[in-house]
């Protein structure tokens, strides 16, 4: 079975490839702000009662559903195997620190301010995961058929990240690379930001952006045998 990654994240793709799974990438077009605004009780830490796990789970589910909808029409993605079901996976990450949920900073000033606030502290990295089985609506191999969702599951995971004592000069140099501008929480653990992370309590892969143990559990719940996702034939 092929896995479709509903994300443009190079880190998530690399994590899957290292685990023996080369995903088909289909990026979602979800308006994240609109998804969060539509949560029943409002965003957490903004007067609402929605918790961090709800927020990242909602975003992951929206991205997964968006890609499933896009792929339901035949010919949408040339890599999609005809006549076969695929596992679609959506993810989203946010950093919780001092009662605030932080996504991507986008600008150098915001990134610099956030990293200065994070040094010598610990924060919680929340990652939402949503997986769906997208299967052909017919078994007739002579025709190209639409696909439909047959099962879904959504979960979230949290990991503690411990930041080191980063100097202002190091922060300026790191921000100047551009790396922290487009990642949740303004840092990476698997890239240039790694030396500034003193430790992780929990699943390292979740901090990178996709928890392999959690994803395997979710796939099993959907009836997918994890080794069937590997690129090479299993023994």
C-alpha atoms as a PDB file:
ATOM      1  CA  UNK A   1       0.000   0.000   0.000  1.00  0.00           C
ATOM      2  CA  UNK A   2       1.305   3.485  -0.862  1.00  0.00           C
ATOM      3  CA  UNK A   3       1.262   6.301   1.683  1.00  0.00           C
ATOM      4  CA  UNK A   4       0.197   9.783   0.596  1.00  0.00           C
ATOM      5  CA  UNK A   5       1.687  12.600   2.670  1.00  0.00           C
ATOM      6  CA  UNK A   6      -0.589  15.639   2.806  1.00  0.00           C
ATOM      7  CA  UNK A   7       2.312  17.964   3.562  1.00  0.00           C
ATOM      8  CA  UNK A   8       5.133  19.802   1.810  1.00  0.00           C
ATOM      9  CA  UNK A   9       7.426  19.310   4.819  1.00  0.00           C
ATOM     10  CA  UNK A  10      10.837  17.973   3.727  1.00  0.00           C
ATOM     11  CA  UNK A  11      11.456  16.785   7.301  1.00  0.00           C
ATOM     12  CA  UNK A  12       8.308  14.651   7.383  1.00  0.00           C
ATOM     13  CA  UNK A  13       9.111  13.173   3.984  1.00  0.00           C
ATOM     14  CA  UNK A  14      12.702  12.431   5.023  1.00  0.00           C
ATOM     15  CA  UNK A  15      11.503  10.794   8.249  1.00  0.00           C
ATOM     16  CA  UNK A  16       9.218   8.457   6.322  1.00  0.00           C
ATOM     17  CA  UNK A  17      11.903   7.642   3.765  1.00  0.00           C
ATOM     18  CA  UNK A  18      14.362   6.802   6.559  1.00  0.00           C
ATOM     19  CA  UNK A  19      11.705   4.406   7.895  1.00  0.00           C
ATOM     20  CA  UNK A  20      11.491   2.657   4.529  1.00  0.00           C
ATOM     21  CA  UNK A  21       8.447   4.485   3.141  1.00  0.00           C
ATOM     22  CA  UNK A  22       8.716   6.790   0.130  1.00  0.00           C
ATOM     23  CA  UNK A  23       5.477   8.790   0.231  1.00  0.00           C
ATOM     24  CA  UNK A  24       3.466  10.272  -2.594  1.00  0.00           C
ATOM     25  CA  UNK A  25       3.317  13.994  -1.759  1.00  0.00           C
ATOM     26  CA  UNK A  26       0.053  15.868  -2.277  1.00  0.00           C
ATOM     27  CA  UNK A  27       0.043  19.235  -0.500  1.00  0.00           C
ATOM     28  CA  UNK A  28      -3.199  20.437   1.064  1.00  0.00           C
ATOM     29  CA  UNK A  29      -4.723  23.861   0.408  1.00  0.00           C
ATOM     30  CA  UNK A  30      -6.337  24.255   3.825  1.00  0.00           C
ATOM     31  CA  UNK A  31      -6.798  27.719   5.357  1.00  0.00           C
ATOM     32  CA  UNK A  32      -5.387  26.977   8.816  1.00  0.00           C
ATOM     33  CA  UNK A  33      -6.702  30.158  10.426  1.00  0.00           C
ATOM     34  CA  UNK A  34     -10.209  29.362   9.216  1.00  0.00           C
ATOM     35  CA  UNK A  35     -10.013  25.835  10.646  1.00  0.00           C
ATOM     36  CA  UNK A  36      -8.960  27.134  14.054  1.00  0.00           C
ATOM     37  CA  UNK A  37     -11.594  29.869  14.022  1.00  0.00           C
ATOM     38  CA  UNK A  38     -14.278  27.268  13.350  1.00  0.00           C
ATOM     39  CA  UNK A  39     -13.484  25.171  16.432  1.00  0.00           C
ATOM     40  CA  UNK A  40     -16.605  24.916  18.663  1.00  0.00           C
ATOM     41  CA  UNK A  41     -15.267  26.641  21.761  1.00  0.00           C
ATOM     42  CA  UNK A  42     -12.715  28.978  20.271  1.00  0.00           C
ATOM     43  CA  UNK A  43      -8.943  28.732  20.278  1.00  0.00           C
ATOM     44  CA  UNK A  44      -7.137  27.739  23.430  1.00  0.00           C
ATOM     45  CA  UNK A  45      -5.341  30.498  25.341  1.00  0.00           C
ATOM     46  CA  UNK A  46      -7.611  33.073  23.711  1.00  0.00           C
ATOM     47  CA  UNK A  47     -10.539  32.804  26.070  1.00  0.00           C
ATOM     48  CA  UNK A  48     -11.837  29.532  24.632  1.00  0.00           C
ATOM     49  CA  UNK A  49     -11.793  26.038  26.074  1.00  0.00           C
ATOM     50  CA  UNK A  50     -10.300  24.204  23.116  1.00  0.00           C
ATOM     51  CA  UNK A  51      -7.068  22.498  24.177  1.00  0.00           C
ATOM     52  CA  UNK A  52      -3.799  22.203  22.225  1.00  0.00           C
ATOM     53  CA  UNK A  53      -4.450  18.582  21.267  1.00  0.00           C
ATOM     54  CA  UNK A  54      -7.793  19.644  19.731  1.00  0.00           C
ATOM     55  CA  UNK A  55      -6.137  22.372  17.672  1.00  0.00           C
ATOM     56  CA  UNK A  56      -3.404  20.288  16.037  1.00  0.00           C
ATOM     57  CA  UNK A  57      -5.814  17.375  15.557  1.00  0.00           C
ATOM     58  CA  UNK A  58      -8.331  19.630  13.817  1.00  0.00           C
ATOM     59  CA  UNK A  59      -5.675  21.000  11.479  1.00  0.00           C
ATOM     60  CA  UNK A  60      -4.319  17.539  10.677  1.00  0.00           C
ATOM     61  CA  UNK A  61      -7.821  16.212   9.986  1.00  0.00           C
ATOM     62  CA  UNK A  62      -8.619  19.171   7.731  1.00  0.00           C
ATOM     63  CA  UNK A  63      -5.444  18.637   5.707  1.00  0.00           C
ATOM     64  CA  UNK A  64      -6.073  14.910   5.372  1.00  0.00           C
ATOM     65  CA  UNK A  65      -9.687  15.463   4.280  1.00  0.00           C
ATOM     66  CA  UNK A  66      -8.657  18.173   1.810  1.00  0.00           C
ATOM     67  CA  UNK A  67      -6.147  15.892   0.089  1.00  0.00           C
ATOM     68  CA  UNK A  68      -8.583  12.967   0.095  1.00  0.00           C
ATOM     69  CA  UNK A  69     -11.108  15.191  -1.658  1.00  0.00           C
ATOM     70  CA  UNK A  70      -8.514  16.283  -4.225  1.00  0.00           C
ATOM     71  CA  UNK A  71      -7.452  12.700  -4.913  1.00  0.00           C
ATOM     72  CA  UNK A  72     -11.010  11.393  -5.200  1.00  0.00           C
ATOM     73  CA  UNK A  73     -11.050  12.453  -8.860  1.00  0.00           C
ATOM     74  CA  UNK A  74      -9.125  10.130 -11.231  1.00  0.00           C
ATOM     75  CA  UNK A  75      -5.913  11.519 -12.712  1.00  0.00           C
ATOM     76  CA  UNK A  76      -5.308  14.078  -9.956  1.00  0.00           C
ATOM     77  CA  UNK A  77      -1.886  12.665  -9.083  1.00  0.00           C
ATOM     78  CA  UNK A  78       0.066  10.618 -11.618  1.00  0.00           C
ATOM     79  CA  UNK A  79       1.871   8.695  -8.860  1.00  0.00           C
ATOM     80  CA  UNK A  80      -1.363   7.344  -7.408  1.00  0.00           C
ATOM     81  CA  UNK A  81      -1.641   3.609  -8.200  1.00  0.00           C
ATOM     82  CA  UNK A  82      -4.766   2.835 -10.220  1.00  0.00           C
ATOM     83  CA  UNK A  83      -7.226   0.404  -8.664  1.00  0.00           C
ATOM     84  CA  UNK A  84      -5.511   0.352  -5.270  1.00  0.00           C
ATOM     85  CA  UNK A  85      -6.323   1.843  -1.883  1.00  0.00           C
ATOM     86  CA  UNK A  86      -3.850   4.331  -0.378  1.00  0.00           C
ATOM     87  CA  UNK A  87      -3.197   5.599   3.137  1.00  0.00           C
ATOM     88  CA  UNK A  88      -3.477   9.405   3.294  1.00  0.00           C
ATOM     89  CA  UNK A  89      -1.730  11.108   6.229  1.00  0.00           C
ATOM     90  CA  UNK A  90      -2.106  14.730   7.341  1.00  0.00           C
ATOM     91  CA  UNK A  91      -0.050  16.346  10.128  1.00  0.00           C
ATOM     92  CA  UNK A  92       0.264  19.641  11.932  1.00  0.00           C
ATOM     93  CA  UNK A  93       2.613  20.857  14.654  1.00  0.00           C
ATOM     94  CA  UNK A  94       2.518  23.742  17.108  1.00  0.00           C
ATOM     95  CA  UNK A  95       4.675  24.699  20.081  1.00  0.00           C
ATOM     96  CA  UNK A  96       3.072  25.475  23.443  1.00  0.00           C
ATOM     97  CA  UNK A  97       5.154  27.811  25.576  1.00  0.00           C
ATOM     98  CA  UNK A  98       4.109  30.074  28.436  1.00  0.00           C
ATOM     99  CA  UNK A  99       0.430  29.462  27.737  1.00  0.00           C
ATOM    100  CA  UNK A 100       0.623  30.269  24.034  1.00  0.00           C
ATOM    101  CA  UNK A 101       0.425  28.078  20.934  1.00  0.00           C
ATOM    102  CA  UNK A 102       3.001  29.028  18.313  1.00  0.00           C
ATOM    103  CA  UNK A 103       2.951  28.032  14.665  1.00  0.00           C
ATOM    104  CA  UNK A 104       5.346  29.255  11.983  1.00  0.00           C
ATOM    105  CA  UNK A 105       6.826  32.721  12.621  1.00  0.00           C
ATOM    106  CA  UNK A 106       7.141  33.672   8.907  1.00  0.00           C
ATOM    107  CA  UNK A 107       9.221  36.808   9.628  1.00  0.00           C
ATOM    108  CA  UNK A 108      12.750  37.209  11.072  1.00  0.00           C
ATOM    109  CA  UNK A 109      11.590  39.582  13.814  1.00  0.00           C
ATOM    110  CA  UNK A 110       8.974  37.154  15.115  1.00  0.00           C
ATOM    111  CA  UNK A 111      11.378  34.206  14.920  1.00  0.00           C
ATOM    112  CA  UNK A 112      14.084  36.125  16.773  1.00  0.00           C
ATOM    113  CA  UNK A 113      11.686  37.173  19.533  1.00  0.00           C
ATOM    114  CA  UNK A 114      10.352  33.642  19.979  1.00  0.00           C
ATOM    115  CA  UNK A 115      13.745  31.967  20.134  1.00  0.00           C
ATOM    116  CA  UNK A 116      14.969  34.470  22.714  1.00  0.00           C
ATOM    117  CA  UNK A 117      11.921  33.635  24.834  1.00  0.00           C
ATOM    118  CA  UNK A 118      12.536  29.889  24.468  1.00  0.00           C
ATOM    119  CA  UNK A 119      16.200  29.734  25.511  1.00  0.00           C
ATOM    120  CA  UNK A 120      16.916  28.052  28.854  1.00  0.00           C
ATOM    121  CA  UNK A 121      13.311  26.820  28.999  1.00  0.00           C
ATOM    122  CA  UNK A 122      11.247  23.753  28.134  1.00  0.00           C
ATOM    123  CA  UNK A 123       8.202  23.756  25.893  1.00  0.00           C
ATOM    124  CA  UNK A 124       5.642  21.260  24.620  1.00  0.00           C
ATOM    125  CA  UNK A 125       5.586  20.382  20.944  1.00  0.00           C
ATOM    126  CA  UNK A 126       2.112  19.200  19.904  1.00  0.00           C
ATOM    127  CA  UNK A 127       1.667  17.218  16.699  1.00  0.00           C
ATOM    128  CA  UNK A 128      -1.691  16.232  15.228  1.00  0.00           C
ATOM    129  CA  UNK A 129      -1.982  13.190  12.953  1.00  0.00           C
ATOM    130  CA  UNK A 130      -4.925  12.207  10.777  1.00  0.00           C
ATOM    131  CA  UNK A 131      -4.970   9.114   8.556  1.00  0.00           C
ATOM    132  CA  UNK A 132      -7.569   7.860   6.099  1.00  0.00           C
ATOM    133  CA  UNK A 133      -7.962   4.903   3.769  1.00  0.00           C
ATOM    134  CA  UNK A 134      -8.848   6.199   0.307  1.00  0.00           C
ATOM    135  CA  UNK A 135     -10.125   3.338  -1.838  1.00  0.00           C
ATOM    136  CA  UNK A 136     -11.466   2.985  -5.418  1.00  0.00           C
ATOM    137  CA  UNK A 137     -15.243   2.916  -5.612  1.00  0.00           C
ATOM    138  CA  UNK A 138     -15.180  -0.065  -8.006  1.00  0.00           C
ATOM    139  CA  UNK A 139     -13.005  -3.117  -8.577  1.00  0.00           C
ATOM    140  CA  UNK A 140     -13.333  -2.912 -12.371  1.00  0.00           C
ATOM    141  CA  UNK A 141      -9.714  -2.599 -13.526  1.00  0.00           C
ATOM    142  CA  UNK A 142     -10.726  -1.650 -17.070  1.00  0.00           C
ATOM    143  CA  UNK A 143     -11.955   1.781 -15.999  1.00  0.00           C
ATOM    144  CA  UNK A 144     -10.598   4.685 -14.019  1.00  0.00           C
ATOM    145  CA  UNK A 145     -12.722   5.183 -10.947  1.00  0.00           C
ATOM    146  CA  UNK A 146     -13.205   7.770  -8.305  1.00  0.00           C
ATOM    147  CA  UNK A 147     -11.977   7.110  -4.777  1.00  0.00           C
ATOM    148  CA  UNK A 148     -13.784   7.436  -1.473  1.00  0.00           C
ATOM    149  CA  UNK A 149     -12.775   7.463   2.202  1.00  0.00           C
ATOM    150  CA  UNK A 150     -13.555   4.123   3.856  1.00  0.00           C
ATOM    151  CA  UNK A 151     -12.036   4.724   7.315  1.00  0.00           C
ATOM    152  CA  UNK A 152     -10.318   7.515   9.258  1.00  0.00           C
ATOM    153  CA  UNK A 153      -8.554   8.035  12.575  1.00  0.00           C
ATOM    154  CA  UNK A 154      -7.161  11.201  14.162  1.00  0.00           C
ATOM    155  CA  UNK A 155      -4.784  11.468  17.137  1.00  0.00           C
ATOM    156  CA  UNK A 156      -2.334  13.910  18.675  1.00  0.00           C
ATOM    157  CA  UNK A 157       0.943  13.552  20.542  1.00  0.00           C
ATOM    158  CA  UNK A 158       3.003  15.832  22.778  1.00  0.00           C
ATOM    159  CA  UNK A 159       6.738  15.931  23.443  1.00  0.00           C
ATOM    160  CA  UNK A 160       8.795  18.062  25.791  1.00  0.00           C
ATOM    161  CA  UNK A 161      11.610  20.041  24.147  1.00  0.00           C
ATOM    162  CA  UNK A 162      14.438  21.435  26.301  1.00  0.00           C
ATOM    163  CA  UNK A 163      16.246  24.463  24.862  1.00  0.00           C
ATOM    164  CA  UNK A 164      19.815  25.414  25.662  1.00  0.00           C
ATOM    165  CA  UNK A 165      21.338  28.773  26.537  1.00  0.00           C
ATOM    166  CA  UNK A 166      21.444  30.344  23.071  1.00  0.00           C
ATOM    167  CA  UNK A 167      23.309  33.650  22.741  1.00  0.00           C
ATOM    168  CA  UNK A 168      21.857  36.646  20.913  1.00  0.00           C
ATOM    169  CA  UNK A 169      24.583  36.313  18.273  1.00  0.00           C
ATOM    170  CA  UNK A 170      23.692  32.645  17.708  1.00  0.00           C
ATOM    171  CA  UNK A 171      20.015  33.527  17.436  1.00  0.00           C
ATOM    172  CA  UNK A 172      20.743  36.239  14.871  1.00  0.00           C
ATOM    173  CA  UNK A 173      22.910  33.863  12.839  1.00  0.00           C
ATOM    174  CA  UNK A 174      20.287  31.100  12.999  1.00  0.00           C
ATOM    175  CA  UNK A 175      17.446  33.397  11.958  1.00  0.00           C
ATOM    176  CA  UNK A 176      19.592  34.727   9.088  1.00  0.00           C
ATOM    177  CA  UNK A 177      19.708  31.217   7.598  1.00  0.00           C
ATOM    178  CA  UNK A 178      15.947  31.380   7.066  1.00  0.00           C
ATOM    179  CA  UNK A 179      15.422  27.896   8.494  1.00  0.00           C
ATOM    180  CA  UNK A 180      13.298  28.845  11.526  1.00  0.00           C
ATOM    181  CA  UNK A 181      10.902  31.067   9.558  1.00  0.00           C
ATOM    182  CA  UNK A 182       8.801  28.268   8.122  1.00  0.00           C
ATOM    183  CA  UNK A 183       8.710  25.651  10.876  1.00  0.00           C
ATOM    184  CA  UNK A 184       6.444  25.321  13.905  1.00  0.00           C
ATOM    185  CA  UNK A 185       7.862  27.002  16.985  1.00  0.00           C
ATOM    186  CA  UNK A 186      10.717  28.652  15.034  1.00  0.00           C
ATOM    187  CA  UNK A 187      13.160  25.771  15.423  1.00  0.00           C
ATOM    188  CA  UNK A 188      14.176  22.395  14.029  1.00  0.00           C
ATOM    189  CA  UNK A 189      15.680  19.491  15.935  1.00  0.00           C
ATOM    190  CA  UNK A 190      16.912  17.688  12.817  1.00  0.00           C
ATOM    191  CA  UNK A 191      18.594  20.650  11.107  1.00  0.00           C
ATOM    192  CA  UNK A 192      20.619  23.750  11.962  1.00  0.00           C
ATOM    193  CA  UNK A 193      18.616  24.199  15.163  1.00  0.00           C
ATOM    194  CA  UNK A 194      19.608  20.804  16.557  1.00  0.00           C
ATOM    195  CA  UNK A 195      22.687  21.984  18.501  1.00  0.00           C
ATOM    196  CA  UNK A 196      20.516  24.435  20.431  1.00  0.00           C
ATOM    197  CA  UNK A 197      18.237  21.644  21.733  1.00  0.00           C
ATOM    198  CA  UNK A 198      19.610  20.055  24.908  1.00  0.00           C
ATOM    199  CA  UNK A 199      17.148  17.199  24.996  1.00  0.00           C
ATOM    200  CA  UNK A 200      13.737  15.793  24.146  1.00  0.00           C
ATOM    201  CA  UNK A 201      11.413  13.974  26.536  1.00  0.00           C
ATOM    202  CA  UNK A 202       9.171  11.771  24.427  1.00  0.00           C
ATOM    203  CA  UNK A 203       9.138  10.818  20.768  1.00  0.00           C
ATOM    204  CA  UNK A 204      11.915  12.520  18.807  1.00  0.00           C
ATOM    205  CA  UNK A 205      10.133  11.919  15.493  1.00  0.00           C
ATOM    206  CA  UNK A 206       7.084  13.810  16.744  1.00  0.00           C
ATOM    207  CA  UNK A 207       9.274  16.899  17.176  1.00  0.00           C
ATOM    208  CA  UNK A 208      10.464  16.492  13.595  1.00  0.00           C
ATOM    209  CA  UNK A 209       6.804  16.552  12.568  1.00  0.00           C
ATOM    210  CA  UNK A 210       5.474  13.009  12.318  1.00  0.00           C
ATOM    211  CA  UNK A 211       5.409  10.398  15.092  1.00  0.00           C
ATOM    212  CA  UNK A 212       6.273   7.020  13.575  1.00  0.00           C
ATOM    213  CA  UNK A 213       5.101   4.965  16.596  1.00  0.00           C
ATOM    214  CA  UNK A 214       1.777   6.812  16.704  1.00  0.00           C
ATOM    215  CA  UNK A 215       1.336   6.556  12.943  1.00  0.00           C
ATOM    216  CA  UNK A 216       1.976   2.802  13.049  1.00  0.00           C
ATOM    217  CA  UNK A 217      -0.654   2.446  15.778  1.00  0.00           C
ATOM    218  CA  UNK A 218      -3.132   4.462  13.703  1.00  0.00           C
ATOM    219  CA  UNK A 219      -2.391   2.427  10.570  1.00  0.00           C
ATOM    220  CA  UNK A 220      -2.963  -0.780  12.533  1.00  0.00           C
ATOM    221  CA  UNK A 221      -6.307   0.579  13.737  1.00  0.00           C
ATOM    222  CA  UNK A 222      -7.240   1.141  10.077  1.00  0.00           C
ATOM    223  CA  UNK A 223      -6.307  -2.440   9.236  1.00  0.00           C
ATOM    224  CA  UNK A 224      -2.980  -1.608   7.550  1.00  0.00           C
ATOM    225  CA  UNK A 225      -0.014  -3.897   8.219  1.00  0.00           C
ATOM    226  CA  UNK A 226       2.895  -1.474   8.687  1.00  0.00           C
ATOM    227  CA  UNK A 227       5.482  -3.530   6.712  1.00  0.00           C
ATOM    228  CA  UNK A 228       3.138  -3.366   3.699  1.00  0.00           C
ATOM    229  CA  UNK A 229       3.997   0.355   3.507  1.00  0.00           C
ATOM    230  CA  UNK A 230       7.720  -0.322   3.108  1.00  0.00           C
ATOM    231  CA  UNK A 231       9.261   0.311  -0.309  1.00  0.00           C
ATOM    232  CA  UNK A 232      11.080  -3.012  -0.507  1.00  0.00           C
ATOM    233  CA  UNK A 233       9.143  -6.289  -0.491  1.00  0.00           C
ATOM    234  CA  UNK A 234       9.110  -7.732   3.011  1.00  0.00           C
ATOM    235  CA  UNK A 235      10.548 -11.221   3.558  1.00  0.00           C
END
